Amino acid sequence: MKDNNLSFEEALVLAQKLGYAESDSSDDVDGYDVSRKLAILSTIAFKKVITEDLIPCRGIRSINSSDIKIFKDLNCTVKLIGTASNYNSRLSASVEPVLVNNTSTLSNIKNAYNIISVNGSIVGELHFIGEGAGKNPTSNAILCDLIDIVNGSYSYDNLSSRSIVATETVHFISGEYYVRLNPIVEDEKDTLIELLKKAPWVCKTIEFENNIVIFTDKLSSSDLEKKVANLSFLVKDYSFIRLDENIKIKYQNQTLNNCS
C-alpha cells in the first residue's frame, strides 16, 4: 500500500498472487496467524501456558489509503506486530498494528520477510530475520520436516517436561496511540475538534485533509476503543494504531506524541 500507492483490496490481491497471503486472508489480515505464533513463543519464553484466545488481537482492516498518506507525511511505517512481556510476574501481550520510524529495523522488514525480536536482561535485543511465506521457504520447511521424521532426527521443545504454569490472565499492552477520525458531516469537524481538545487523554490534535488525527497519552487499546466509541455520533469511520515506544513523531516543527 505504501510503496505502490495501492488500496487495501489491491494490496491483498497482490499478496495472494505472490503466495504471501492465503486465499482466505482472515488469519493474515485479522492478526490470528501472528497471535498463534506469539502464543507458542511466549509459552516457551515465559514458562507459562499462553493460548491464542488469551491474547488481545486487532488486525489491519481499518487502515485505509488516508492513513498511508498520513504516515508518509510523518515519515513513519505501520507494521502488524505481536508483542509479549513478563515484568514483575505481570504478563502482557497484544497483536495489533504499530507505527514505527522509517529508519527503524522493523520498518525495513518487507514482502515475505518476518522478524522475531528478543530482549534479554543480559544480552539485550536480538533480531532473527527470514522469509516466512512464499513457495520456496514453505516447501523448504516441509521437506526438512519430512527428512527429520524419516531419519528419526526430529527435535522439539518438550513443554511437558518443563515446569509450566497455567495462565488465566494476559493484560493489554499500554502505549501511546495514533487515531484517525473521519467526521460524518464536514460541518461537524470543528465540534469534534473542540471535544477532543478537552479530552485529558488526547495529547495533540491536527487536521489532515478530511480527517482529524490525534495522538494520545498512554492507555490500553481496550480503553481507547471505549473512548472512541463515545464519539460515534460524530465519527463515520476511524483507525487507531499503537506507537512504537521508541518513536518520536515530528510534524511542522512540533512533536506530536508528547503530552508533557
Protein backbone atom coordinates (compact mmCIF):
# COMPACT_ATOMS: atom_id res chain seq x y z
CA MET A 1 0.00 0.00 0.00
CA LYS A 2 2.74 2.43 0.93
CA ASP A 3 5.33 1.70 -1.76
CA ASN A 4 2.93 1.33 -4.70
CA ASN A 5 0.02 3.55 -3.62
CA LEU A 6 -2.37 0.59 -3.62
CA SER A 7 -5.70 0.33 -1.87
CA PHE A 8 -6.07 -2.31 0.86
CA GLU A 9 -8.01 -4.56 -1.53
CA GLU A 10 -5.41 -4.22 -4.32
CA ALA A 11 -2.52 -4.91 -1.94
CA LEU A 12 -4.28 -8.01 -0.58
CA VAL A 13 -4.91 -9.44 -4.07
CA LEU A 14 -1.22 -8.91 -4.94
CA ALA A 15 -0.10 -10.60 -1.70
CA GLN A 16 -2.33 -13.58 -2.50
CA LYS A 17 -0.92 -13.86 -6.04
CA LEU A 18 2.63 -13.87 -4.65
CA GLY A 19 1.74 -16.55 -2.10
CA TYR A 20 2.24 -14.25 0.88
CA ALA A 21 -1.42 -14.38 1.95
CA GLU A 22 -3.91 -17.26 1.94
CA SER A 23 -6.96 -17.29 -0.34
CA ASP A 24 -8.97 -16.88 2.88
CA SER A 25 -6.99 -13.94 4.21
CA SER A 26 -8.71 -13.66 7.61
CA ASP A 27 -5.82 -15.21 9.56
CA ASP A 28 -3.31 -12.84 7.93
CA VAL A 29 -5.36 -9.64 7.88
CA ASP A 30 -7.02 -10.01 11.29
CA GLY A 31 -3.80 -10.99 13.07
CA TYR A 32 -4.77 -14.54 14.08
CA ASP A 33 -1.71 -16.12 12.46
CA VAL A 34 0.58 -13.76 14.40
CA SER A 35 -1.40 -14.44 17.57
CA ARG A 36 -0.84 -18.21 17.32
CA LYS A 37 2.89 -17.76 16.77
CA LEU A 38 3.10 -15.32 19.67
CA ALA A 39 1.28 -17.79 21.94
CA ILE A 40 3.83 -20.53 21.17
CA LEU A 41 6.87 -18.27 21.58
CA SER A 42 5.54 -16.72 24.81
CA THR A 43 4.77 -20.12 26.34
CA ILE A 44 8.34 -21.25 25.68
CA ALA A 45 9.94 -17.97 26.80
CA PHE A 46 7.95 -17.34 29.97
CA LYS A 47 7.19 -20.96 31.01
CA LYS A 48 3.50 -20.12 31.26
CA VAL A 49 0.75 -21.67 29.18
CA ILE A 50 -0.47 -18.88 26.92
CA THR A 51 -3.20 -19.76 24.46
CA GLU A 52 -4.27 -17.76 21.43
CA ASP A 53 -7.63 -16.81 22.94
CA LEU A 54 -5.89 -15.02 25.84
CA ILE A 55 -4.04 -12.58 23.57
CA PRO A 56 -5.84 -9.33 22.63
CA CYS A 57 -5.78 -9.20 18.84
CA ARG A 58 -6.54 -6.49 16.26
CA GLY A 59 -5.75 -6.67 12.57
CA ILE A 60 -5.25 -4.11 9.82
CA ARG A 61 -8.68 -3.95 8.16
CA SER A 62 -9.40 -0.43 9.43
CA ILE A 63 -6.24 1.03 7.86
CA ASN A 64 -7.01 2.81 4.59
CA SER A 65 -5.28 4.94 1.96
CA SER A 66 -5.78 8.09 4.07
CA ASP A 67 -3.73 6.52 6.88
CA ILE A 68 -0.95 5.54 4.48
CA LYS A 69 -0.78 9.07 3.09
CA ILE A 70 -0.60 10.50 6.62
CA PHE A 71 2.16 8.04 7.57
CA LYS A 72 4.21 9.18 4.59
CA ASP A 73 3.89 12.81 5.71
CA LEU A 74 5.00 11.77 9.21
CA ASN A 75 7.93 9.63 7.92
CA CYS A 76 6.50 6.54 9.59
CA THR A 77 5.50 3.00 8.61
CA VAL A 78 2.82 0.72 10.05
CA LYS A 79 3.57 -2.93 10.86
CA LEU A 80 1.38 -5.70 12.29
CA ILE A 81 3.31 -6.76 15.41
CA GLY A 82 2.81 -9.32 18.14
CA THR A 83 4.31 -8.23 21.48
CA ALA A 84 4.63 -10.07 24.79
CA SER A 85 6.37 -9.11 28.03
CA ASN A 86 6.69 -10.54 31.52
CA TYR A 87 7.75 -7.91 34.06
CA ASN A 88 7.33 -8.49 37.81
CA SER A 89 5.17 -11.56 37.12
CA ARG A 90 2.72 -9.41 35.12
CA LEU A 91 2.19 -10.98 31.71
CA SER A 92 1.13 -8.60 28.93
CA ALA A 93 0.60 -9.33 25.26
CA SER A 94 -1.08 -7.99 22.15
CA VAL A 95 -1.27 -8.32 18.39
CA GLU A 96 -2.02 -5.02 16.70
CA PRO A 97 -0.71 -2.55 14.10
CA VAL A 98 2.20 -0.46 15.39
CA LEU A 99 3.64 2.75 13.96
CA VAL A 100 7.45 2.78 13.63
CA ASN A 101 10.02 5.26 12.31
CA ASN A 102 11.13 4.78 8.70
CA THR A 103 14.71 4.43 9.94
CA SER A 104 13.96 1.54 12.33
CA THR A 105 14.82 -2.12 11.75
CA LEU A 106 11.12 -3.05 11.82
CA SER A 107 10.32 -0.56 9.06
CA ASN A 108 12.66 -2.35 6.67
CA ILE A 109 11.08 -5.81 7.11
CA LYS A 110 9.13 -6.10 3.85
CA ASN A 111 7.43 -8.53 1.47
CA ALA A 112 7.70 -12.14 2.72
CA TYR A 113 10.23 -11.38 5.46
CA ASN A 114 9.39 -11.74 9.14
CA ILE A 115 11.32 -10.75 12.25
CA ILE A 116 11.45 -12.10 15.79
CA SER A 117 12.97 -9.72 18.35
CA VAL A 118 14.02 -10.99 21.77
CA ASN A 119 15.04 -8.63 24.56
CA GLY A 120 17.04 -10.21 27.39
CA SER A 121 18.27 -8.63 30.61
CA ILE A 122 21.88 -9.58 29.83
CA VAL A 123 22.12 -9.99 26.04
CA GLY A 124 19.94 -7.00 25.18
CA GLU A 125 17.94 -7.04 21.95
CA LEU A 126 18.44 -9.80 19.38
CA HIS A 127 16.84 -9.91 15.91
CA PHE A 128 16.13 -13.03 13.83
CA ILE A 129 15.06 -12.23 10.26
CA GLY A 130 14.00 -14.53 7.44
CA GLU A 131 11.35 -15.28 4.84
CA GLY A 132 8.15 -16.60 6.36
CA ALA A 133 5.92 -17.04 3.31
CA GLY A 134 6.05 -17.97 -0.36
CA LYS A 135 6.67 -21.22 -2.22
CA ASN A 136 10.41 -21.55 -1.56
CA PRO A 137 10.54 -21.10 2.25
CA THR A 138 7.32 -23.10 2.69
CA SER A 139 8.44 -26.05 0.56
CA ASN A 140 11.88 -25.98 2.21
CA ALA A 141 10.34 -26.17 5.70
CA ILE A 142 8.05 -29.06 4.70
CA LEU A 143 10.89 -31.01 3.10
CA CYS A 144 13.16 -30.51 6.13
CA ASP A 145 10.40 -31.75 8.45
CA LEU A 146 9.80 -34.84 6.31
CA ILE A 147 13.52 -35.69 6.22
CA ASP A 148 13.77 -35.30 10.02
CA ILE A 149 10.74 -37.55 10.52
CA VAL A 150 12.09 -40.26 8.18
CA ASN A 151 15.54 -40.14 9.81
CA GLY A 152 14.12 -40.01 13.33
CA SER A 153 16.10 -36.86 14.00
CA TYR A 154 13.14 -34.55 14.51
CA SER A 155 13.64 -32.44 17.63
CA TYR A 156 11.11 -30.37 19.52
CA ASP A 157 10.76 -28.38 22.71
CA ASN A 158 9.06 -30.81 25.08
CA LEU A 159 6.96 -28.45 27.15
CA SER A 160 5.50 -31.32 29.15
CA SER A 161 8.92 -31.99 30.68
CA ARG A 162 9.20 -28.43 31.97
CA SER A 163 7.64 -26.71 34.92
CA ILE A 164 4.89 -24.87 33.05
CA VAL A 165 2.41 -22.69 34.94
CA ALA A 166 -1.15 -22.28 33.69
CA THR A 167 -2.09 -18.72 32.75
CA GLU A 168 -5.57 -17.30 33.25
CA THR A 169 -5.00 -13.60 32.54
CA VAL A 170 -2.99 -11.75 29.91
CA HIS A 171 -3.04 -7.97 30.29
CA PHE A 172 -3.31 -5.48 27.45
CA ILE A 173 -0.11 -3.71 26.46
CA SER A 174 -0.49 0.02 27.06
CA GLY A 175 1.02 2.68 24.86
CA GLU A 176 0.51 5.97 23.09
CA TYR A 177 -1.76 5.81 20.03
CA TYR A 178 -2.32 7.44 16.66
CA VAL A 179 -6.05 7.80 15.97
CA ARG A 180 -7.63 8.89 12.67
CA LEU A 181 -11.23 10.09 12.83
CA ASN A 182 -13.38 10.78 9.77
CA PRO A 183 -16.35 13.02 10.69
CA ILE A 184 -19.81 12.01 9.49
CA VAL A 185 -20.53 15.56 8.34
CA GLU A 186 -17.87 18.10 7.34
CA ASP A 187 -19.69 20.85 9.23
CA GLU A 188 -19.28 18.92 12.49
CA LYS A 189 -15.48 18.76 12.25
CA ASP A 190 -15.00 21.83 14.46
CA THR A 191 -17.34 20.38 17.09
CA LEU A 192 -15.35 17.15 17.13
CA ILE A 193 -12.04 19.01 17.38
CA GLU A 194 -13.26 21.03 20.35
CA LEU A 195 -14.39 17.86 22.15
CA LEU A 196 -11.01 16.24 21.55
CA LYS A 197 -9.07 19.27 22.79
CA LYS A 198 -10.89 18.99 26.12
CA ALA A 199 -10.24 15.25 26.48
CA PRO A 200 -7.45 14.62 29.05
CA TRP A 201 -6.23 11.52 27.17
CA VAL A 202 -5.54 13.49 23.95
CA CYS A 203 -2.04 14.95 23.53
CA LYS A 204 -2.23 16.59 20.11
CA THR A 205 -4.96 17.19 17.54
CA ILE A 206 -4.21 18.01 13.89
CA GLU A 207 -6.12 18.03 10.60
CA PHE A 208 -5.14 16.06 7.51
CA GLU A 209 -7.47 16.88 4.62
CA ASN A 210 -10.90 15.48 5.61
CA ASN A 211 -9.59 13.59 8.64
CA ILE A 212 -8.81 14.55 12.21
CA VAL A 213 -5.71 12.89 13.66
CA ILE A 214 -4.99 12.72 17.36
CA PHE A 215 -2.10 11.37 19.39
CA THR A 216 -2.99 10.03 22.82
CA ASP A 217 -1.45 9.67 26.23
CA LYS A 218 -0.53 6.15 27.37
CA LEU A 219 -3.51 3.79 27.61
CA SER A 220 -4.65 0.33 26.51
CA SER A 221 -6.36 -0.38 23.20
CA SER A 222 -9.49 -1.56 25.03
CA ASP A 223 -9.76 1.73 26.93
CA LEU A 224 -9.12 3.69 23.73
CA GLU A 225 -11.80 1.80 21.82
CA LYS A 226 -14.35 2.71 24.50
CA LYS A 227 -13.37 6.38 24.32
CA VAL A 228 -13.62 6.46 20.53
CA ALA A 229 -16.98 4.65 20.69
CA ASN A 230 -18.31 7.56 22.76
CA LEU A 231 -17.65 9.79 19.72
CA SER A 232 -19.59 7.55 17.32
CA PHE A 233 -22.37 10.13 16.92
CA LEU A 234 -19.83 12.37 15.14
CA VAL A 235 -17.48 9.84 13.51
CA LYS A 236 -18.09 7.91 10.28
CA ASP A 237 -15.02 5.68 10.44
CA TYR A 238 -11.74 5.54 12.32
CA SER A 239 -8.48 3.69 12.83
CA PHE A 240 -6.10 3.56 15.77
CA ILE A 241 -2.52 2.34 15.84
CA ARG A 242 -0.16 1.96 18.78
CA LEU A 243 3.11 3.90 18.61
CA ASP A 244 6.41 2.11 18.98
CA GLU A 245 7.83 3.04 22.38
CA ASN A 246 10.98 4.50 20.78
CA ILE A 247 9.24 6.67 18.20
CA LYS A 248 9.15 10.46 18.19
CA ILE A 249 6.78 11.85 15.57
CA LYS A 250 7.55 15.35 14.34
CA TYR A 251 5.36 17.42 12.04
CA GLN A 252 5.67 21.11 11.22
CA ASN A 253 8.34 21.59 13.89
CA GLN A 254 6.33 20.05 16.73
CA THR A 255 6.50 16.67 18.44
CA LEU A 256 3.05 15.10 18.20
CA ASN A 257 3.35 12.22 20.67
CA ASN A 258 4.38 14.21 23.71
CA CYS A 259 1.86 15.03 26.44
CA SER A 260 4.31 16.92 28.62
